[in-house]
Amino acid sequence: MKTEQITLVTSIIAAHDFSASKNVFVGFGGDLCADGAKALGVLIDTTISGEQAPVAVSGIALITSGEAITVGEALSSDANGKAVAVGADVLNGYALDAASAADELIRILLA
């Protein structure tokens, strides 16, 4: 079982309907984080549009992978708010677990 160790949670008004999703990167505007952009943090609970969304901004959070990931890999966001390798994108954290494919839940050390 993977556990979170969140040290700071903030809230932002959800500009997206997150009622069917959590564990994705959230942007500073309350929407899914844009592809390769800096994230405010990781959404830690489902939320409907217009409501306050809880976002982990510091510590270790659970994130959904967008591709295969190795332990220690620097991570950014894809267009769906999922964790992918940084490449030339903005750093959002480091993988603490490996993912063999997309849509796996892994731990991320937020940066």
C-alpha atoms as a PDB file:
ATOM      1  CA  MET A   1       0.000   0.000   0.000  1.00  0.00           C
ATOM      2  CA  LYS A   2       1.323   3.410  -0.943  1.00  0.00           C
ATOM      3  CA  THR A   3       0.922   6.208   1.591  1.00  0.00           C
ATOM      4  CA  GLU A   4       0.955   9.970   1.377  1.00  0.00           C
ATOM      5  CA  GLN A   5       2.936  12.195   3.715  1.00  0.00           C
ATOM      6  CA  ILE A   6       1.561  15.598   2.881  1.00  0.00           C
ATOM      7  CA  THR A   7       3.057  18.491   4.810  1.00  0.00           C
ATOM      8  CA  LEU A   8       0.954  21.320   3.353  1.00  0.00           C
ATOM      9  CA  VAL A   9      -2.511  21.366   1.787  1.00  0.00           C
ATOM     10  CA  THR A  10      -4.168  24.431   0.312  1.00  0.00           C
ATOM     11  CA  SER A  11      -7.439  24.888  -1.519  1.00  0.00           C
ATOM     12  CA  ILE A  12      -8.365  26.487  -4.810  1.00  0.00           C
ATOM     13  CA  ILE A  13     -11.703  26.940  -6.542  1.00  0.00           C
ATOM     14  CA  ALA A  14     -12.011  24.097  -9.055  1.00  0.00           C
ATOM     15  CA  ALA A  15     -12.331  25.418 -12.602  1.00  0.00           C
ATOM     16  CA  HIS A  16     -12.745  21.818 -13.806  1.00  0.00           C
ATOM     17  CA  ASP A  17     -15.135  19.047 -12.788  1.00  0.00           C
ATOM     18  CA  PHE A  18     -12.919  16.736 -10.760  1.00  0.00           C
ATOM     19  CA  SER A  19     -15.862  14.653  -9.487  1.00  0.00           C
ATOM     20  CA  ALA A  20     -14.513  11.535 -11.214  1.00  0.00           C
ATOM     21  CA  SER A  21     -10.814  12.115 -10.665  1.00  0.00           C
ATOM     22  CA  LYS A  22      -8.157  12.916  -8.113  1.00  0.00           C
ATOM     23  CA  ASN A  23      -4.394  12.324  -7.863  1.00  0.00           C
ATOM     24  CA  VAL A  24      -3.683  14.603 -10.825  1.00  0.00           C
ATOM     25  CA  PHE A  25      -1.682  17.824 -11.157  1.00  0.00           C
ATOM     26  CA  VAL A  26      -3.741  21.000 -10.699  1.00  0.00           C
ATOM     27  CA  GLY A  27      -2.712  24.330 -12.206  1.00  0.00           C
ATOM     28  CA  PHE A  28      -2.720  27.697 -10.476  1.00  0.00           C
ATOM     29  CA  GLY A  29      -6.079  28.520 -12.103  1.00  0.00           C
ATOM     30  CA  GLY A  30      -7.865  25.506 -10.592  1.00  0.00           C
ATOM     31  CA  ASP A  31      -7.928  23.485 -13.806  1.00  0.00           C
ATOM     32  CA  LEU A  32      -5.905  20.461 -14.890  1.00  0.00           C
ATOM     33  CA  CYS A  33      -2.266  21.462 -15.101  1.00  0.00           C
ATOM     34  CA  ALA A  34      -1.281  22.241 -18.687  1.00  0.00           C
ATOM     35  CA  ASP A  35       1.154  20.000 -20.543  1.00  0.00           C
ATOM     36  CA  GLY A  36       4.667  20.749 -19.251  1.00  0.00           C
ATOM     37  CA  ALA A  37       3.530  23.604 -16.976  1.00  0.00           C
ATOM     38  CA  LYS A  38       4.294  24.259 -13.313  1.00  0.00           C
ATOM     39  CA  ALA A  39       1.578  22.749 -11.108  1.00  0.00           C
ATOM     40  CA  LEU A  40       0.190  24.242  -7.928  1.00  0.00           C
ATOM     41  CA  GLY A  41       0.164  20.691  -6.580  1.00  0.00           C
ATOM     42  CA  VAL A  42      -1.725  17.403  -6.620  1.00  0.00           C
ATOM     43  CA  LEU A  43      -5.494  17.136  -6.173  1.00  0.00           C
ATOM     44  CA  ILE A  44      -6.134  14.903  -3.156  1.00  0.00           C
ATOM     45  CA  ASP A  45      -9.916  14.478  -3.338  1.00  0.00           C
ATOM     46  CA  THR A  46     -12.713  14.594  -5.876  1.00  0.00           C
ATOM     47  CA  THR A  47     -14.322  18.015  -6.286  1.00  0.00           C
ATOM     48  CA  ILE A  48     -16.979  19.521  -8.530  1.00  0.00           C
ATOM     49  CA  SER A  49     -16.424  22.683 -10.546  1.00  0.00           C
ATOM     50  CA  GLY A  50     -16.878  25.866  -8.521  1.00  0.00           C
ATOM     51  CA  GLU A  51     -16.139  24.227  -5.162  1.00  0.00           C
ATOM     52  CA  GLN A  52     -12.958  24.388  -3.077  1.00  0.00           C
ATOM     53  CA  ALA A  53     -10.516  21.694  -4.195  1.00  0.00           C
ATOM     54  CA  PRO A  54      -7.895  20.366  -1.710  1.00  0.00           C
ATOM     55  CA  VAL A  55      -4.418  20.434  -3.233  1.00  0.00           C
ATOM     56  CA  ALA A  56      -1.220  18.955  -1.747  1.00  0.00           C
ATOM     57  CA  VAL A  57       1.531  21.514  -2.332  1.00  0.00           C
ATOM     58  CA  SER A  58       4.325  20.070  -0.206  1.00  0.00           C
ATOM     59  CA  GLY A  59       5.429  16.613   0.866  1.00  0.00           C
ATOM     60  CA  ILE A  60       4.778  13.199  -0.657  1.00  0.00           C
ATOM     61  CA  ALA A  61       1.518  12.753  -2.564  1.00  0.00           C
ATOM     62  CA  LEU A  62      -0.060  10.066  -4.725  1.00  0.00           C
ATOM     63  CA  ILE A  63      -0.186  10.887  -8.451  1.00  0.00           C
ATOM     64  CA  THR A  64      -1.482   9.037 -11.516  1.00  0.00           C
ATOM     65  CA  SER A  65       1.188   8.150 -14.058  1.00  0.00           C
ATOM     66  CA  GLY A  66       0.815   9.185 -17.681  1.00  0.00           C
ATOM     67  CA  GLU A  67       3.487   6.757 -18.926  1.00  0.00           C
ATOM     68  CA  ALA A  68       6.103   4.300 -17.656  1.00  0.00           C
ATOM     69  CA  ILE A  69       8.191   5.965 -14.934  1.00  0.00           C
ATOM     70  CA  THR A  70      11.349   4.944 -13.073  1.00  0.00           C
ATOM     71  CA  VAL A  71      12.162   5.614  -9.421  1.00  0.00           C
ATOM     72  CA  GLY A  72      13.924   8.951  -8.991  1.00  0.00           C
ATOM     73  CA  GLU A  73      12.774  10.299 -12.351  1.00  0.00           C
ATOM     74  CA  ALA A  74      12.007  14.020 -12.531  1.00  0.00           C
ATOM     75  CA  LEU A  75       8.305  14.512 -13.280  1.00  0.00           C
ATOM     76  CA  SER A  76       6.117  17.063 -15.002  1.00  0.00           C
ATOM     77  CA  SER A  77       2.487  17.131 -16.129  1.00  0.00           C
ATOM     78  CA  ASP A  78       0.921  15.920 -19.354  1.00  0.00           C
ATOM     79  CA  ALA A  79      -2.226  17.511 -20.821  1.00  0.00           C
ATOM     80  CA  ASN A  80      -4.388  15.305 -18.561  1.00  0.00           C
ATOM     81  CA  GLY A  81      -2.620  16.306 -15.326  1.00  0.00           C
ATOM     82  CA  LYS A  82      -0.834  12.948 -15.106  1.00  0.00           C
ATOM     83  CA  ALA A  83       2.840  12.483 -14.227  1.00  0.00           C
ATOM     84  CA  VAL A  84       5.322  12.135 -17.098  1.00  0.00           C
ATOM     85  CA  ALA A  85       9.103  12.505 -17.486  1.00  0.00           C
ATOM     86  CA  VAL A  86      10.218  16.138 -17.408  1.00  0.00           C
ATOM     87  CA  GLY A  87      12.190  16.344 -20.662  1.00  0.00           C
ATOM     88  CA  ALA A  88      12.331  20.107 -21.337  1.00  0.00           C
ATOM     89  CA  ASP A  89       9.224  20.759 -19.219  1.00  0.00           C
ATOM     90  CA  VAL A  90       8.915  22.334 -15.772  1.00  0.00           C
ATOM     91  CA  LEU A  91       9.780  20.138 -12.766  1.00  0.00           C
ATOM     92  CA  ASN A  92       6.872  19.279 -10.453  1.00  0.00           C
ATOM     93  CA  GLY A  93       8.501  16.512  -8.410  1.00  0.00           C
ATOM     94  CA  TYR A  94      10.407  13.230  -8.264  1.00  0.00           C
ATOM     95  CA  ALA A  95       9.050   9.686  -8.544  1.00  0.00           C
ATOM     96  CA  LEU A  96       9.379   7.593  -5.387  1.00  0.00           C
ATOM     97  CA  ASP A  97       7.849   4.549  -7.104  1.00  0.00           C
ATOM     98  CA  ALA A  98       8.077   3.043 -10.576  1.00  0.00           C
ATOM     99  CA  ALA A  99       5.144   2.753 -12.969  1.00  0.00           C
ATOM    100  CA  SER A 100       5.205   0.184 -15.760  1.00  0.00           C
ATOM    101  CA  ALA A 101       2.565   2.048 -17.790  1.00  0.00           C
ATOM    102  CA  ALA A 102       0.046   4.894 -17.704  1.00  0.00           C
ATOM    103  CA  ASP A 103      -2.728   5.114 -15.100  1.00  0.00           C
ATOM    104  CA  GLU A 104      -0.784   3.630 -12.185  1.00  0.00           C
ATOM    105  CA  LEU A 105      -0.784   5.294  -8.778  1.00  0.00           C
ATOM    106  CA  ILE A 106       2.723   6.241  -7.585  1.00  0.00           C
ATOM    107  CA  ARG A 107       4.212   8.457  -4.894  1.00  0.00           C
ATOM    108  CA  ILE A 108       5.756  11.786  -5.856  1.00  0.00           C
ATOM    109  CA  LEU A 109       8.027  14.006  -3.786  1.00  0.00           C
ATOM    110  CA  LEU A 110       6.643  17.428  -4.693  1.00  0.00           C
ATOM    111  CA  ALA A 111       9.095  20.090  -5.836  1.00  0.00           C
END
